[in-house]
Amino acid sequence: MTPPPKRWRQAGAGLLLGAVAVLVWFALSGPDAPVPAPLPRPIAQAPASTPPPLPARARPPAVAAPPEPVAAPGPSSALESPPPGTTPERPPEAPPIELPPTTQVLAEEFYPGTTDWEDIPVDESHQHHLRILPKRYNVVAPRPIALWLEMTDAQGRRQPLPSPRVRARSLDDEARPWIDLPVSDDGTGEDERAGDLRYTAQLRPTREQRKLLLGRLLVEGTVDVPGVGTRTIPSVLIYTQGPRATLTGRWTDSLRDGGLALEAELRVDEPGLFTLMAQIFGPRLEPLAWVKQTARLGAGRQTMTLEVFGKVLHDLGVDGPYRVRQVLLTRDQENSSDYEPGETIEEAHQTKPYAARAFSPEAYVPPPRTLEDVTAEHPSQRDKPPPERTRDMEPAEGDPPPPPENPPPQQATDLGR
């Protein structure tokens, strides 16, 4: 075995001597041995000029940076939208009214007296649909009432109708009875083609049936689908006596007050309130304007004038001749929105070849609004009691008389003070 190095032996001897010295000291010092007093600690002298400690100071509040200057609103800032949740100081002004209420710009042709197909699914998978459509929405007696009824599959192909049935009654009076309309697909009457699977329900009402059906009609088409059950689809149309006035077909046109005046001749059977409306097109069926006019007419030969405001024709820049299409005449009910329409005339008149620049570009100026002064002598106040604040009130018996209007001043009462 190799002996440890010399320096290790010297370190071990030193440790052994230290341990023996500690044991000897504990053995010689008993419980009564005096304990040496601790040495006094030197006291440091504070300089006379040392100030007392300062109290802790609160952290100064953070100062917000000054707001950036806001630029004054420029010409375009008034057109910008305000931030969400705020209200602009001044609401935007309404656009100016450039056209009268009797003339409007026409975006595309529309067809008065028509409606769209009603459509319902027959089965839960929506593979078949039942559809109904009045052939004419406005039916003027004595023309027959006619509706198309068909069933289509997912590809739009018509399918045979199982036991089709159609009935009609008044929409406004549920007490009136239902009237059945025969259904066929044989190409007779109002049915256009035999065997095309577009079934036609048609009825030419008798005099008694006409009394029950005049007005708005509720129509129901019903089929029995095997494995599914009964399916019913509703529709609505108007059955009317018409306006009791007809257009004779005589029209005249002229340039008047910067616009186009279209004068139509009518034969009025019963006096009343009438509205005439039409759509104006260019020579290539460019849609231009929709116009209407309302007038009270007596019986006999009468005329109504449709005025196309000049700015419409001038701004659109389409030269004539202009075509007057989709003309409809109605009799309006007094104090009601109900009306009795006639039949729509698809092409009624063609004007002379006016140039668009011949019409005025000036905007419409509404007439000043006038308010009628209604007093107690006004005809509308006839046989009505006077207002309460102007009635002569008589005092009841036993009531004390009212105080005088200008009583003499009263002297102060002596209270003995």
Protein backbone atom coordinates (compact mmCIF):
# COMPACT_ATOMS: atom_id res chain seq x y z
CA MET A 1 0.00 0.00 0.00
CA THR A 2 1.40 3.37 -0.95
CA PRO A 3 1.74 5.83 2.03
CA PRO A 4 -0.11 9.21 1.77
CA PRO A 5 1.85 12.23 0.75
CA LYS A 6 3.74 14.26 3.39
CA ARG A 7 1.43 17.32 3.21
CA TRP A 8 -1.60 15.16 3.99
CA ARG A 9 0.14 13.79 7.13
CA GLN A 10 0.91 17.32 8.39
CA ALA A 11 -2.75 18.44 7.90
CA GLY A 12 -4.07 15.43 9.80
CA ALA A 13 -1.77 16.08 12.78
CA GLY A 14 -2.94 19.69 12.98
CA LEU A 15 -6.59 18.68 13.10
CA LEU A 16 -5.90 16.14 15.85
CA LEU A 17 -4.13 18.69 18.08
CA GLY A 18 -7.02 21.17 17.66
CA ALA A 19 -9.60 18.60 18.76
CA VAL A 20 -7.54 17.69 21.89
CA ALA A 21 -7.30 21.38 22.88
CA VAL A 22 -11.08 21.81 22.73
CA LEU A 23 -11.66 18.76 24.95
CA VAL A 24 -9.15 19.99 27.55
CA TRP A 25 -10.82 23.43 27.70
CA PHE A 26 -14.28 21.92 28.34
CA ALA A 27 -12.85 19.66 31.06
CA LEU A 28 -11.11 22.46 32.96
CA SER A 29 -13.99 25.01 32.77
CA GLY A 30 -16.72 24.10 35.25
CA PRO A 31 -20.16 25.58 35.74
CA ASP A 32 -18.78 28.26 38.13
CA ALA A 33 -16.00 29.38 35.90
CA PRO A 34 -16.24 33.09 35.09
CA VAL A 35 -17.28 33.96 31.64
CA PRO A 36 -15.21 36.72 30.16
CA ALA A 37 -17.22 39.91 29.54
CA PRO A 38 -17.73 40.88 25.96
CA LEU A 39 -15.61 43.66 24.72
CA PRO A 40 -17.43 47.04 24.45
CA ARG A 41 -18.48 48.07 20.94
CA PRO A 42 -17.15 51.36 19.74
CA ILE A 43 -19.85 54.07 19.34
CA ALA A 44 -19.67 55.94 16.11
CA GLN A 45 -20.12 59.70 16.52
CA ALA A 46 -22.60 61.21 14.04
CA PRO A 47 -21.57 64.54 12.62
CA ALA A 48 -23.45 67.52 14.08
CA SER A 49 -24.61 68.71 10.70
CA THR A 50 -26.33 65.45 9.70
CA PRO A 51 -30.00 66.26 8.84
CA PRO A 52 -32.87 64.00 9.95
CA PRO A 53 -34.01 61.43 7.44
CA LEU A 54 -36.47 62.76 4.90
CA PRO A 55 -39.98 61.24 4.76
CA ALA A 56 -40.74 59.03 1.81
CA ARG A 57 -42.28 61.03 -1.06
CA ALA A 58 -45.09 59.77 -3.21
CA ARG A 59 -44.31 59.06 -6.83
CA PRO A 60 -45.43 62.00 -8.94
CA PRO A 61 -48.44 61.22 -11.10
CA ALA A 62 -47.81 60.49 -14.72
CA VAL A 63 -48.61 63.46 -16.91
CA ALA A 64 -50.57 62.64 -20.05
CA ALA A 65 -49.04 63.82 -23.21
CA PRO A 66 -50.78 66.88 -24.57
CA PRO A 67 -53.37 65.98 -27.20
CA GLU A 68 -52.39 66.46 -30.75
CA PRO A 69 -54.05 69.45 -32.34
CA VAL A 70 -57.13 68.49 -34.37
CA ALA A 71 -57.17 69.89 -37.82
CA ALA A 72 -60.13 72.00 -38.77
CA PRO A 73 -62.68 70.08 -40.87
CA GLY A 74 -62.05 70.50 -44.52
CA PRO A 75 -64.62 70.57 -47.29
CA SER A 76 -64.81 66.75 -47.46
CA SER A 77 -64.98 66.08 -43.67
CA ALA A 78 -68.70 66.90 -43.57
CA LEU A 79 -69.35 64.00 -45.93
CA GLU A 80 -67.52 61.45 -43.77
CA SER A 81 -69.54 59.17 -41.50
CA PRO A 82 -69.35 59.94 -37.75
CA PRO A 83 -67.69 57.38 -35.45
CA PRO A 84 -69.96 54.54 -34.27
CA GLY A 85 -72.11 55.42 -31.28
CA THR A 86 -72.07 59.16 -31.92
CA THR A 87 -74.69 61.50 -33.29
CA PRO A 88 -73.77 64.06 -35.91
CA GLU A 89 -74.30 67.63 -34.91
CA ARG A 90 -76.43 68.31 -37.95
CA PRO A 91 -78.40 65.60 -39.79
CA PRO A 92 -77.74 65.34 -43.50
CA GLU A 93 -80.12 67.26 -45.66
CA ALA A 94 -82.68 65.37 -47.70
CA PRO A 95 -81.91 65.14 -51.39
CA PRO A 96 -83.75 67.69 -53.48
CA ILE A 97 -87.01 66.67 -55.11
CA GLU A 98 -86.32 66.92 -58.82
CA LEU A 99 -89.45 65.21 -60.17
CA PRO A 100 -93.15 65.62 -59.44
CA PRO A 101 -95.05 62.73 -57.84
CA THR A 102 -96.82 62.03 -61.14
CA THR A 103 -93.58 61.21 -63.01
CA GLN A 104 -90.90 58.74 -61.97
CA VAL A 105 -87.88 57.29 -63.74
CA LEU A 106 -88.62 53.78 -65.03
CA ALA A 107 -85.88 51.20 -64.45
CA GLU A 108 -87.53 48.33 -66.31
CA GLU A 109 -90.90 47.37 -67.73
CA PHE A 110 -93.44 45.86 -65.36
CA TYR A 111 -96.80 44.31 -66.11
CA PRO A 112 -99.85 45.56 -64.17
CA GLY A 113 -102.57 43.03 -63.49
CA THR A 114 -100.22 40.06 -63.27
CA THR A 115 -98.80 38.02 -60.41
CA ASP A 116 -96.30 35.20 -59.80
CA TRP A 117 -96.69 31.45 -59.39
CA GLU A 118 -97.52 30.14 -55.92
CA ASP A 119 -95.46 27.04 -55.14
CA ILE A 120 -95.55 24.44 -52.32
CA PRO A 121 -93.72 21.10 -51.93
CA VAL A 122 -95.87 18.00 -52.25
CA ASP A 123 -93.60 15.55 -50.40
CA GLU A 124 -91.08 15.85 -47.57
CA SER A 125 -88.16 15.32 -49.94
CA HIS A 126 -89.31 18.31 -52.04
CA GLN A 127 -89.05 16.24 -55.20
CA HIS A 128 -92.45 17.43 -56.44
CA HIS A 129 -94.10 20.85 -56.21
CA LEU A 130 -97.70 21.97 -56.68
CA ARG A 131 -98.07 25.33 -58.47
CA ILE A 132 -100.97 27.68 -59.17
CA LEU A 133 -101.24 30.95 -61.13
CA PRO A 134 -104.20 33.13 -62.16
CA LYS A 135 -104.15 33.52 -65.93
CA ARG A 136 -105.37 37.10 -65.33
CA TYR A 137 -105.02 38.73 -61.93
CA ASN A 138 -107.55 41.47 -62.79
CA VAL A 139 -110.61 39.73 -64.20
CA VAL A 140 -113.20 42.14 -65.61
CA ALA A 141 -116.69 40.68 -65.92
CA PRO A 142 -118.06 39.12 -68.06
CA ARG A 143 -114.67 37.54 -68.87
CA PRO A 144 -114.20 34.08 -67.32
CA ILE A 145 -112.11 33.39 -64.23
CA ALA A 146 -109.18 31.16 -65.20
CA LEU A 147 -106.24 29.68 -63.27
CA TRP A 148 -103.42 27.30 -64.19
CA LEU A 149 -102.65 24.34 -61.92
CA GLU A 150 -99.69 22.00 -62.38
CA MET A 151 -97.29 19.68 -60.54
CA THR A 152 -93.58 19.55 -61.42
CA ASP A 153 -90.69 17.26 -60.46
CA ALA A 154 -87.17 18.24 -59.40
CA GLN A 155 -86.21 18.86 -63.06
CA GLY A 156 -89.22 21.13 -63.64
CA ARG A 157 -91.10 18.61 -65.79
CA ARG A 158 -94.87 18.58 -65.42
CA GLN A 159 -96.51 15.50 -63.95
CA PRO A 160 -100.12 14.24 -64.18
CA LEU A 161 -102.37 15.71 -61.50
CA PRO A 162 -104.26 13.16 -59.40
CA SER A 163 -107.91 14.27 -59.05
CA PRO A 164 -107.38 18.07 -59.28
CA ARG A 165 -110.03 20.35 -57.75
CA VAL A 166 -110.32 24.16 -57.60
CA ARG A 167 -112.80 26.35 -55.72
CA ALA A 168 -113.20 30.09 -55.02
CA ARG A 169 -115.01 32.40 -52.62
CA SER A 170 -114.94 36.01 -51.44
CA LEU A 171 -111.77 36.89 -49.55
CA ASP A 172 -113.42 39.69 -47.57
CA ASP A 173 -116.68 37.90 -46.68
CA GLU A 174 -116.16 34.40 -45.29
CA ALA A 175 -119.91 33.91 -45.03
CA ARG A 176 -120.23 33.64 -48.81
CA PRO A 177 -120.21 30.06 -50.11
CA TRP A 178 -117.44 28.33 -52.06
CA ILE A 179 -118.00 27.92 -55.80
CA ASP A 180 -116.31 25.09 -57.70
CA LEU A 181 -114.35 25.75 -60.90
CA PRO A 182 -114.19 22.88 -63.42
CA VAL A 183 -110.62 21.69 -64.17
CA SER A 184 -109.53 20.31 -67.55
CA ASP A 185 -106.55 19.77 -69.84
CA ASP A 186 -108.42 19.33 -73.12
CA GLY A 187 -107.51 22.55 -74.95
CA THR A 188 -111.00 24.07 -74.73
CA GLY A 189 -111.96 27.51 -73.46
CA GLU A 190 -109.11 29.12 -71.51
CA ASP A 191 -106.97 25.94 -71.66
CA GLU A 192 -104.26 26.69 -74.21
CA ARG A 193 -103.14 23.20 -75.23
CA ALA A 194 -104.63 19.76 -74.72
CA GLY A 195 -102.54 17.19 -72.87
CA ASP A 196 -99.68 19.53 -71.87
CA LEU A 197 -100.26 18.65 -68.16
CA ARG A 198 -100.93 22.33 -67.37
CA TYR A 199 -104.47 22.04 -66.11
CA THR A 200 -106.86 24.99 -66.37
CA ALA A 201 -109.63 25.79 -63.91
CA GLN A 202 -112.17 28.10 -65.54
CA LEU A 203 -115.58 29.53 -64.75
CA ARG A 204 -117.79 32.04 -66.50
CA PRO A 205 -119.97 33.12 -63.55
CA THR A 206 -123.71 33.36 -63.90
CA ARG A 207 -125.51 36.50 -62.76
CA GLU A 208 -126.12 34.99 -59.32
CA GLN A 209 -122.54 33.73 -59.02
CA ARG A 210 -121.22 37.13 -60.05
CA LYS A 211 -122.92 38.75 -57.06
CA LEU A 212 -121.16 36.28 -54.76
CA LEU A 213 -117.73 36.60 -56.38
CA LEU A 214 -117.31 40.32 -57.09
CA GLY A 215 -114.30 41.70 -55.22
CA ARG A 216 -111.14 39.97 -54.07
CA LEU A 217 -111.28 36.20 -54.39
CA LEU A 218 -109.55 33.45 -52.44
CA VAL A 219 -108.88 30.45 -54.68
CA GLU A 220 -107.74 26.99 -53.53
CA GLY A 221 -106.30 24.22 -55.70
CA THR A 222 -106.33 20.69 -54.24
CA VAL A 223 -104.87 17.34 -55.34
CA ASP A 224 -104.78 13.86 -53.75
CA VAL A 225 -101.22 12.50 -53.93
CA PRO A 226 -100.95 8.69 -53.50
CA GLY A 227 -98.87 7.76 -50.47
CA VAL A 228 -98.67 11.39 -49.34
CA GLY A 229 -102.20 12.70 -48.84
CA THR A 230 -104.19 15.78 -49.79
CA ARG A 231 -102.32 18.93 -50.71
CA THR A 232 -103.95 22.39 -51.08
CA ILE A 233 -102.41 25.57 -52.46
CA PRO A 234 -104.06 29.04 -52.23
CA SER A 235 -104.05 32.03 -54.58
CA VAL A 236 -105.77 35.43 -54.85
CA LEU A 237 -107.23 37.46 -57.72
CA ILE A 238 -109.62 40.36 -58.32
CA TYR A 239 -113.00 39.84 -59.99
CA THR A 240 -114.49 43.22 -60.85
CA GLN A 241 -117.01 45.04 -62.97
CA GLY A 242 -114.17 47.25 -64.19
CA PRO A 243 -113.94 51.04 -63.98
CA ARG A 244 -117.18 51.54 -65.97
CA ALA A 245 -115.12 53.68 -68.32
CA THR A 246 -113.02 52.71 -71.32
CA LEU A 247 -110.25 54.24 -73.39
CA THR A 248 -111.42 54.89 -76.94
CA GLY A 249 -107.90 54.53 -78.38
CA ARG A 250 -107.65 58.18 -79.45
CA TRP A 251 -104.47 59.86 -78.20
CA THR A 252 -102.77 63.18 -78.93
CA ASP A 253 -99.29 64.31 -77.87
CA SER A 254 -97.64 67.73 -77.68
CA LEU A 255 -94.75 69.63 -76.14
CA ARG A 256 -96.22 71.59 -73.23
CA ASP A 257 -94.51 73.59 -70.46
CA GLY A 258 -91.19 71.91 -71.15
CA GLY A 259 -92.63 68.38 -70.88
CA LEU A 260 -94.54 65.85 -72.96
CA ALA A 261 -98.35 65.96 -72.70
CA LEU A 262 -100.26 62.77 -73.60
CA GLU A 263 -104.01 63.30 -73.88
CA ALA A 264 -106.26 60.21 -73.90
CA GLU A 265 -109.96 60.11 -74.73
CA LEU A 266 -112.35 58.09 -72.54
CA ARG A 267 -115.96 57.05 -72.63
CA VAL A 268 -117.29 57.21 -69.06
CA ASP A 269 -120.42 55.18 -68.26
CA GLU A 270 -120.67 56.19 -64.58
CA PRO A 271 -119.14 59.34 -63.06
CA GLY A 272 -116.43 58.83 -60.47
CA LEU A 273 -112.79 59.19 -59.50
CA PHE A 274 -110.35 57.64 -61.98
CA THR A 275 -106.60 57.02 -62.19
CA LEU A 276 -104.78 56.55 -65.49
CA MET A 277 -101.20 55.25 -65.51
CA ALA A 278 -98.75 54.31 -68.25
CA GLN A 279 -95.10 53.51 -68.97
CA ILE A 280 -93.06 55.48 -71.50
CA PHE A 281 -90.38 53.83 -73.65
CA GLY A 282 -87.99 54.87 -76.37
CA PRO A 283 -88.28 53.63 -79.95
CA ARG A 284 -86.20 50.53 -79.07
CA LEU A 285 -88.12 49.84 -75.84
CA GLU A 286 -85.67 51.78 -73.68
CA PRO A 287 -87.47 52.26 -70.32
CA LEU A 288 -87.85 55.98 -69.62
CA ALA A 289 -90.67 57.02 -67.28
CA TRP A 290 -93.75 55.94 -65.36
CA VAL A 291 -96.58 58.48 -65.26
CA LYS A 292 -100.03 58.68 -63.71
CA GLN A 293 -102.89 61.12 -63.31
CA THR A 294 -106.02 61.14 -61.14
CA ALA A 295 -109.16 63.06 -62.04
CA ARG A 296 -112.86 63.17 -61.26
CA LEU A 297 -114.88 62.69 -64.44
CA GLY A 298 -118.53 62.90 -65.34
CA ALA A 299 -120.40 60.62 -67.68
CA GLY A 300 -119.85 60.85 -71.43
CA ARG A 301 -116.80 61.67 -73.56
CA GLN A 302 -113.93 62.88 -71.39
CA THR A 303 -110.15 63.29 -71.59
CA MET A 304 -107.29 62.67 -69.18
CA THR A 305 -103.78 64.05 -69.70
CA LEU A 306 -100.60 62.27 -68.67
CA GLU A 307 -97.71 64.71 -68.25
CA VAL A 308 -94.17 63.37 -68.65
CA PHE A 309 -91.91 65.79 -66.79
CA GLY A 310 -89.37 67.23 -69.22
CA LYS A 311 -86.25 66.69 -67.09
CA VAL A 312 -86.62 62.90 -67.32
CA LEU A 313 -86.61 62.86 -71.12
CA HIS A 314 -83.94 65.55 -71.35
CA ASP A 315 -81.50 63.86 -68.94
CA LEU A 316 -81.94 60.36 -70.37
CA GLY A 317 -81.15 61.71 -73.83
CA VAL A 318 -83.32 59.24 -75.78
CA ASP A 319 -85.01 60.77 -78.82
CA GLY A 320 -88.54 59.86 -79.90
CA PRO A 321 -90.86 58.67 -81.15
CA TYR A 322 -91.91 57.51 -77.68
CA ARG A 323 -94.07 54.46 -77.04
CA VAL A 324 -96.89 54.49 -74.48
CA ARG A 325 -97.25 50.99 -73.02
CA GLN A 326 -98.83 49.05 -70.14
CA VAL A 327 -101.72 51.50 -69.79
CA LEU A 328 -104.15 50.83 -66.94
CA LEU A 329 -107.34 52.70 -66.01
CA THR A 330 -108.89 52.21 -62.55
CA ARG A 331 -111.92 53.49 -60.68
CA ASP A 332 -110.86 54.55 -57.19
CA GLN A 333 -113.09 54.15 -54.15
CA GLU A 334 -113.69 57.28 -52.10
CA ASN A 335 -111.75 57.38 -48.79
CA SER A 336 -110.38 53.89 -49.39
CA SER A 337 -107.41 52.14 -50.96
CA ASP A 338 -109.72 49.79 -52.90
CA TYR A 339 -110.03 50.18 -56.63
CA GLU A 340 -111.69 48.52 -59.61
CA PRO A 341 -109.18 48.03 -62.42
CA GLY A 342 -109.75 47.64 -66.10
CA GLU A 343 -107.72 45.51 -68.47
CA THR A 344 -104.12 46.48 -69.21
CA ILE A 345 -103.39 47.78 -72.72
CA GLU A 346 -99.92 46.59 -73.72
CA GLU A 347 -99.29 49.09 -76.56
CA ALA A 348 -101.54 52.17 -76.59
CA HIS A 349 -99.84 55.00 -78.53
CA GLN A 350 -96.71 56.20 -80.33
CA THR A 351 -95.74 59.89 -80.28
CA LYS A 352 -94.14 62.14 -82.84
CA PRO A 353 -90.30 62.00 -83.15
CA TYR A 354 -89.39 64.55 -80.47
CA ALA A 355 -85.73 65.31 -79.72
CA ALA A 356 -84.69 64.82 -76.10
CA ARG A 357 -82.99 68.23 -76.02
CA ALA A 358 -86.35 69.86 -76.78
CA PHE A 359 -87.52 69.16 -73.22
CA SER A 360 -86.69 71.33 -70.23
CA PRO A 361 -83.78 70.33 -67.95
CA GLU A 362 -85.19 72.32 -65.03
CA ALA A 363 -85.88 70.49 -61.76
CA TYR A 364 -89.33 70.29 -60.24
CA VAL A 365 -90.34 73.12 -57.93
CA PRO A 366 -93.08 72.07 -55.48
CA PRO A 367 -95.95 74.55 -55.18
CA PRO A 368 -96.06 76.57 -51.97
CA ARG A 369 -97.90 74.82 -49.20
CA THR A 370 -101.10 76.55 -48.19
CA LEU A 371 -103.01 75.87 -44.99
CA GLU A 372 -106.69 76.69 -44.85
CA ASP A 373 -107.77 78.77 -41.90
CA VAL A 374 -110.54 76.81 -40.19
CA THR A 375 -112.70 79.08 -38.02
CA ALA A 376 -116.06 78.64 -36.32
CA GLU A 377 -117.73 79.83 -39.54
CA HIS A 378 -116.01 77.18 -41.69
CA PRO A 379 -118.42 74.72 -43.35
CA SER A 380 -116.66 71.81 -41.62
CA GLN A 381 -117.66 73.26 -38.22
CA ARG A 382 -121.36 73.47 -39.03
CA ASP A 383 -123.67 72.00 -36.34
CA LYS A 384 -120.72 71.46 -33.99
CA PRO A 385 -120.56 72.84 -30.43
CA PRO A 386 -118.15 75.73 -29.82
CA PRO A 387 -114.83 75.03 -28.09
CA GLU A 388 -115.02 74.71 -24.31
CA ARG A 389 -112.79 77.71 -23.64
CA THR A 390 -115.17 80.00 -25.50
CA ARG A 391 -118.44 78.86 -23.93
CA ASP A 392 -120.39 81.21 -21.66
CA MET A 393 -120.35 79.59 -18.22
CA GLU A 394 -123.29 80.56 -15.95
CA PRO A 395 -122.69 80.26 -12.16
CA ALA A 396 -124.81 77.74 -10.28
CA GLU A 397 -127.47 78.93 -7.85
CA GLY A 398 -126.17 79.71 -4.35
CA ASP A 399 -122.57 80.27 -5.41
CA PRO A 400 -120.94 83.43 -4.00
CA PRO A 401 -120.49 86.24 -6.50
CA PRO A 402 -117.04 86.50 -8.02
CA PRO A 403 -114.68 89.14 -6.59
CA PRO A 404 -114.56 92.51 -8.37
CA GLU A 405 -111.96 92.89 -11.05
CA ASN A 406 -110.26 95.93 -9.37
CA PRO A 407 -110.85 95.69 -5.58
CA PRO A 408 -109.78 98.71 -3.42
CA PRO A 409 -106.49 98.31 -1.52
CA GLN A 410 -106.88 97.01 2.02
CA GLN A 411 -105.16 98.69 5.00
CA ALA A 412 -102.84 96.73 7.27
CA THR A 413 -104.47 95.32 10.42
CA ASP A 414 -103.21 96.73 13.75
CA LEU A 415 -101.89 93.81 15.80
CA GLY A 416 -101.19 95.95 18.86
CA ARG A 417 -97.44 95.86 18.49
